[in-house]
N, C-alpha and C. Protein backbone atom coordinates (compact mmCIF):
# COMPACT_ATOMS: atom_id res chain seq x y z
N UNK A 1 0.69 -1.27 0.16
CA UNK A 1 0.42 -0.16 -0.36
C UNK A 1 1.10 1.22 -0.48
N UNK A 2 0.12 2.79 -0.71
CA UNK A 2 0.69 3.53 -0.52
C UNK A 2 0.94 4.66 0.77
N UNK A 3 1.75 5.00 1.04
CA UNK A 3 1.78 6.14 2.17
C UNK A 3 1.28 7.02 2.29
N UNK A 4 1.12 7.83 3.18
CA UNK A 4 0.33 9.12 3.03
C UNK A 4 1.26 10.20 3.46
N UNK A 5 1.38 10.75 2.16
CA UNK A 5 2.42 11.97 2.62
C UNK A 5 1.69 13.08 3.65
N UNK A 6 3.07 13.42 4.00
CA UNK A 6 3.12 14.63 5.66
C UNK A 6 2.98 16.05 5.34
N UNK A 7 2.03 16.70 5.94
CA UNK A 7 1.52 17.84 5.42
C UNK A 7 2.66 18.63 5.91
N UNK A 8 2.78 19.66 5.32
CA UNK A 8 3.56 20.50 5.88
C UNK A 8 3.24 21.31 7.26
N UNK A 9 4.65 21.71 8.09
CA UNK A 9 3.69 22.09 9.53
C UNK A 9 3.59 23.34 9.16
N UNK A 10 4.05 24.05 8.29
CA UNK A 10 3.31 25.75 7.98
C UNK A 10 2.65 25.56 7.49
N UNK A 11 2.13 26.43 7.56
CA UNK A 11 0.75 26.93 5.93
C UNK A 11 1.46 27.20 5.07
N UNK A 12 0.94 26.78 4.24
CA UNK A 12 1.85 27.51 2.01
C UNK A 12 0.65 28.56 1.85
N UNK A 13 0.91 29.54 1.41
CA UNK A 13 -0.10 29.94 0.97
C UNK A 13 0.38 30.52 -0.62
N UNK A 14 -0.03 29.94 -0.70
CA UNK A 14 -0.45 29.84 -2.53
C UNK A 14 -1.80 30.80 -2.76
N UNK A 15 -1.86 30.65 -3.99
CA UNK A 15 -3.15 31.76 -4.88
C UNK A 15 -4.00 30.77 -4.17
N UNK A 16 -4.42 29.70 -4.01
CA UNK A 16 -5.75 29.18 -3.57
C UNK A 16 -6.04 29.08 -2.22
N UNK A 17 -5.13 28.99 -1.34
CA UNK A 17 -5.10 29.42 0.28
C UNK A 17 -5.68 30.63 0.46
N UNK A 18 -5.01 31.57 -0.42
CA UNK A 18 -4.99 33.14 -0.19
C UNK A 18 -6.79 33.10 -0.24
N UNK A 19 -6.80 33.16 -1.42
CA UNK A 19 -8.57 32.89 -2.21
C UNK A 19 -9.45 32.22 -1.19
N UNK A 20 -9.43 31.68 -0.56
CA UNK A 20 -10.32 30.47 0.69
C UNK A 20 -10.01 31.46 1.93
N UNK A 21 -8.70 31.84 2.10
CA UNK A 21 -8.94 32.68 3.54
C UNK A 21 -9.67 33.81 3.21
N UNK A 22 -9.61 34.82 2.21
CA UNK A 22 -10.20 36.09 2.04
C UNK A 22 -12.19 35.17 2.01
N UNK A 23 -12.47 34.24 1.30
CA UNK A 23 -13.81 33.50 1.38
C UNK A 23 -14.38 33.10 2.64
N UNK A 24 -13.04 32.88 3.16
CA UNK A 24 -13.56 32.14 5.11
C UNK A 24 -14.02 33.67 5.33
N UNK A 25 -13.34 34.75 5.53
CA UNK A 25 -13.46 35.93 5.74
C UNK A 25 -14.93 36.81 5.51
N UNK A 26 -15.29 35.92 4.72
CA UNK A 26 -16.56 36.47 4.24
C UNK A 26 -16.74 37.65 2.94
N UNK A 27 -16.05 37.70 2.26
CA UNK A 27 -15.87 38.49 1.10
C UNK A 27 -15.15 37.74 -0.21
N UNK A 28 -15.63 37.97 -1.52
CA UNK A 28 -15.06 37.33 -2.69
C UNK A 28 -13.76 38.38 -2.99
N UNK A 29 -12.98 38.39 -3.86
CA UNK A 29 -11.80 39.45 -4.67
C UNK A 29 -12.61 40.65 -4.95
N UNK A 30 -13.66 40.67 -5.69
CA UNK A 30 -14.67 41.72 -6.02
C UNK A 30 -15.14 42.59 -4.53
N UNK A 31 -15.52 41.69 -4.25
CA UNK A 31 -15.80 42.69 -2.75
C UNK A 31 -14.84 43.30 -2.22
N UNK A 32 -13.79 42.35 -1.60
CA UNK A 32 -12.59 43.06 -1.08
C UNK A 32 -12.08 44.51 -1.94
N UNK A 33 -12.01 44.32 -3.16
CA UNK A 33 -11.37 45.23 -4.10
C UNK A 33 -12.35 46.86 -4.04
N UNK A 34 -13.83 46.51 -4.11
CA UNK A 34 -14.69 47.34 -3.50
C UNK A 34 -14.33 47.98 -2.37
N UNK A 35 -13.99 47.14 -1.21
CA UNK A 35 -14.33 47.87 -0.35
C UNK A 35 -12.91 48.61 -0.03
N UNK A 36 -12.18 48.19 -0.62
CA UNK A 36 -11.09 49.10 -0.91
C UNK A 36 -10.78 50.41 -1.13
N UNK A 37 -12.03 50.13 -2.45
CA UNK A 37 -11.89 51.13 -3.32
C UNK A 37 -10.90 51.33 -4.54
N UNK A 38 -10.84 50.54 -4.80
CA UNK A 38 -9.84 49.25 -6.04
C UNK A 38 -10.22 48.90 -6.97
N UNK A 39 -9.73 48.89 -8.43
CA UNK A 39 -10.02 48.08 -9.07
C UNK A 39 -10.25 46.49 -9.29
N UNK A 40 -11.22 45.65 -9.06
CA UNK A 40 -10.81 44.20 -8.53
C UNK A 40 -9.70 43.97 -9.07
N UNK A 41 -9.41 43.54 -10.58
CA UNK A 41 -8.10 43.57 -11.40
C UNK A 41 -7.04 43.48 -10.09
N UNK A 42 -6.75 44.70 -9.56
CA UNK A 42 -5.69 45.08 -8.59
C UNK A 42 -6.10 44.04 -7.90
N UNK A 43 -6.38 43.41 -7.16
CA UNK A 43 -6.67 42.25 -6.41
C UNK A 43 -5.96 41.10 -6.69
N UNK A 44 -7.05 41.04 -7.81
CA UNK A 44 -6.76 39.54 -8.64
C UNK A 44 -5.19 39.76 -9.25
N UNK A 45 -4.57 40.37 -9.45
CA UNK A 45 -3.31 40.48 -10.18
C UNK A 45 -2.12 39.74 -8.46
N UNK A 46 -2.36 40.28 -7.95
CA UNK A 46 -1.70 40.14 -6.56
C UNK A 46 -1.49 38.63 -6.26
N UNK A 47 -2.41 37.70 -7.04
CA UNK A 47 -2.08 36.41 -6.63
C UNK A 47 -1.07 35.54 -7.60
N UNK A 48 -1.34 36.45 -8.38
CA UNK A 48 -0.52 35.33 -9.69
C UNK A 48 1.16 36.46 -9.35
N UNK A 49 1.07 38.10 -9.68
CA UNK A 49 2.19 38.47 -9.84
C UNK A 49 2.57 39.51 -9.09
N UNK A 50 3.35 40.39 -9.19
CA UNK A 50 3.61 41.37 -8.67
C UNK A 50 2.80 42.71 -8.43
N UNK A 51 2.02 42.87 -7.31
CA UNK A 51 1.07 44.15 -7.40
C UNK A 51 1.00 45.01 -6.33
N UNK A 52 1.42 45.60 -5.64
CA UNK A 52 2.05 46.42 -4.26
C UNK A 52 0.66 46.41 -3.44
N UNK A 53 -0.25 47.49 -3.92
CA UNK A 53 -1.23 47.80 -3.26
C UNK A 53 -2.19 46.31 -3.20
N UNK A 54 -2.66 45.83 -3.98
CA UNK A 54 -3.17 44.46 -4.12
C UNK A 54 -2.46 43.35 -2.89
N UNK A 55 -1.35 42.94 -2.80
CA UNK A 55 -0.72 42.72 -1.82
C UNK A 55 -0.85 43.19 -0.36
N UNK A 56 -1.03 44.61 -0.28
CA UNK A 56 -1.44 45.08 0.58
C UNK A 56 -2.67 44.62 1.21
N UNK A 57 -3.51 45.07 0.35
CA UNK A 57 -5.05 44.72 1.06
C UNK A 57 -5.48 43.73 1.12
N UNK A 58 -4.56 42.86 0.61
CA UNK A 58 -5.15 40.85 1.09
C UNK A 58 -4.08 40.83 2.13
N UNK A 59 -3.30 41.26 2.48
CA UNK A 59 -2.51 41.35 3.76
C UNK A 59 -3.08 41.71 4.99
N UNK A 60 -3.85 42.88 4.88
CA UNK A 60 -4.38 43.79 5.93
C UNK A 60 -5.59 43.06 6.12
N UNK A 61 -6.57 42.59 4.83
CA UNK A 61 -7.64 42.05 5.11
C UNK A 61 -7.68 41.02 5.91
N UNK A 62 -6.79 39.48 5.54
CA UNK A 62 -6.92 38.65 6.26
C UNK A 62 -5.71 38.25 7.52
N UNK A 63 -4.67 39.50 7.82
CA UNK A 63 -4.31 39.53 8.74
C UNK A 63 -2.66 38.60 8.89
N UNK A 64 -2.46 38.44 7.83
CA UNK A 64 -1.31 37.86 7.51
C UNK A 64 0.17 38.66 7.18
N UNK A 65 1.15 38.85 7.77
CA UNK A 65 2.14 39.57 7.01
C UNK A 65 2.47 39.62 5.48
N UNK A 66 2.60 40.28 4.99
CA UNK A 66 3.14 40.51 3.89
C UNK A 66 4.26 39.48 3.12
N UNK A 67 5.27 39.33 4.43
CA UNK A 67 6.41 38.91 4.27
C UNK A 67 6.06 37.43 4.28
N UNK A 68 5.00 36.74 4.84
CA UNK A 68 4.60 35.44 4.90
C UNK A 68 3.55 35.15 3.53
N UNK A 69 2.83 36.06 3.00
CA UNK A 69 1.94 35.68 2.20
C UNK A 69 2.59 35.74 0.89
N UNK A 70 3.60 36.10 0.83
CA UNK A 70 4.53 36.94 -0.81
C UNK A 70 6.33 36.75 -0.21
N UNK A 71 6.26 35.58 0.62
CA UNK A 71 7.77 35.49 0.80
C UNK A 71 8.65 35.73 -0.50
N UNK A 72 8.18 36.21 -1.68
CA UNK A 72 9.48 36.19 -2.95
C UNK A 72 9.23 37.60 -3.47
N UNK A 73 8.46 37.91 -2.63
CA UNK A 73 8.03 39.52 -2.50
C UNK A 73 8.70 40.83 -1.82
N UNK A 74 8.38 40.07 -0.55
CA UNK A 74 8.22 40.92 0.48
C UNK A 74 9.45 40.38 1.42
N UNK A 75 10.42 41.46 2.38
CA UNK A 75 11.02 41.27 3.02
C UNK A 75 10.19 40.85 4.62
N UNK A 76 10.86 40.20 5.65
CA UNK A 76 10.52 40.68 7.06
C UNK A 76 10.54 41.88 7.96
N UNK A 77 10.73 42.60 7.45
CA UNK A 77 11.02 44.17 7.28
C UNK A 77 9.96 45.29 6.65
N UNK A 78 8.82 44.54 5.61
CA UNK A 78 8.09 45.15 4.70
C UNK A 78 8.99 45.88 3.68
N UNK A 79 9.91 45.64 3.44
CA UNK A 79 10.20 46.47 2.58
C UNK A 79 10.27 45.44 1.08
N UNK A 80 10.25 45.76 0.06
CA UNK A 80 9.54 45.59 -1.66
C UNK A 80 11.11 44.40 -1.72
N UNK A 81 10.62 43.64 -2.38
CA UNK A 81 11.86 42.79 -3.21
C UNK A 81 11.64 42.96 -4.46
N UNK A 82 12.45 43.94 -5.45
CA UNK A 82 12.35 44.55 -6.79
C UNK A 82 13.09 43.30 -7.32
N UNK A 83 12.55 41.88 -8.52
CA UNK A 83 13.33 41.07 -9.03
C UNK A 83 14.71 41.79 -9.99
N UNK A 84 14.42 42.45 -10.46
CA UNK A 84 15.19 42.76 -11.77
C UNK A 84 16.29 43.68 -10.82
N UNK A 85 16.02 44.30 -9.68
CA UNK A 85 17.38 45.03 -9.21
C UNK A 85 18.24 43.87 -8.15
N UNK A 86 17.49 43.29 -7.74
CA UNK A 86 17.89 41.48 -7.01
C UNK A 86 19.00 41.04 -8.06
N UNK A 87 18.63 40.76 -9.20
CA UNK A 87 19.44 40.05 -10.42
C UNK A 87 20.39 40.79 -10.28
N UNK A 88 20.50 42.28 -10.94
CA UNK A 88 21.78 43.13 -11.23
C UNK A 88 22.60 42.66 -10.04
N UNK A 89 22.07 43.01 -8.76
CA UNK A 89 23.06 42.72 -7.64
C UNK A 89 23.55 41.58 -7.55
N UNK A 90 22.72 40.37 -7.77
CA UNK A 90 23.58 39.13 -8.05
C UNK A 90 24.41 39.44 -9.13
N UNK A 91 24.53 39.50 -10.01
CA UNK A 91 25.43 39.51 -11.06
C UNK A 91 26.86 40.31 -11.06
N UNK A 92 26.21 41.70 -10.46
CA UNK A 92 27.65 41.87 -10.26
C UNK A 92 28.60 41.56 -9.02
N UNK A 93 28.20 40.99 -8.49
CA UNK A 93 29.13 39.81 -7.42
C UNK A 93 29.73 39.10 -7.57
């Protein structure tokens, strides 16, 4: 028989988990955008690609720090990570 895969010890925040957390708090992506007076696409984009305003709105709404929800985009000090700058800095070393 096959073995049951072990679940990760910490929450993995992929686009589906983030969307589910928003839904559990009683809103969908469009309603969330409307409550912050931004275009719905601003919030939707944050699930797949960098969208500073969308990421901040999602983080604030579900109460999870930016660096946990989007670790490849934010540092623990809430500083934005810009991929092109990071690549240039790595290339210069």
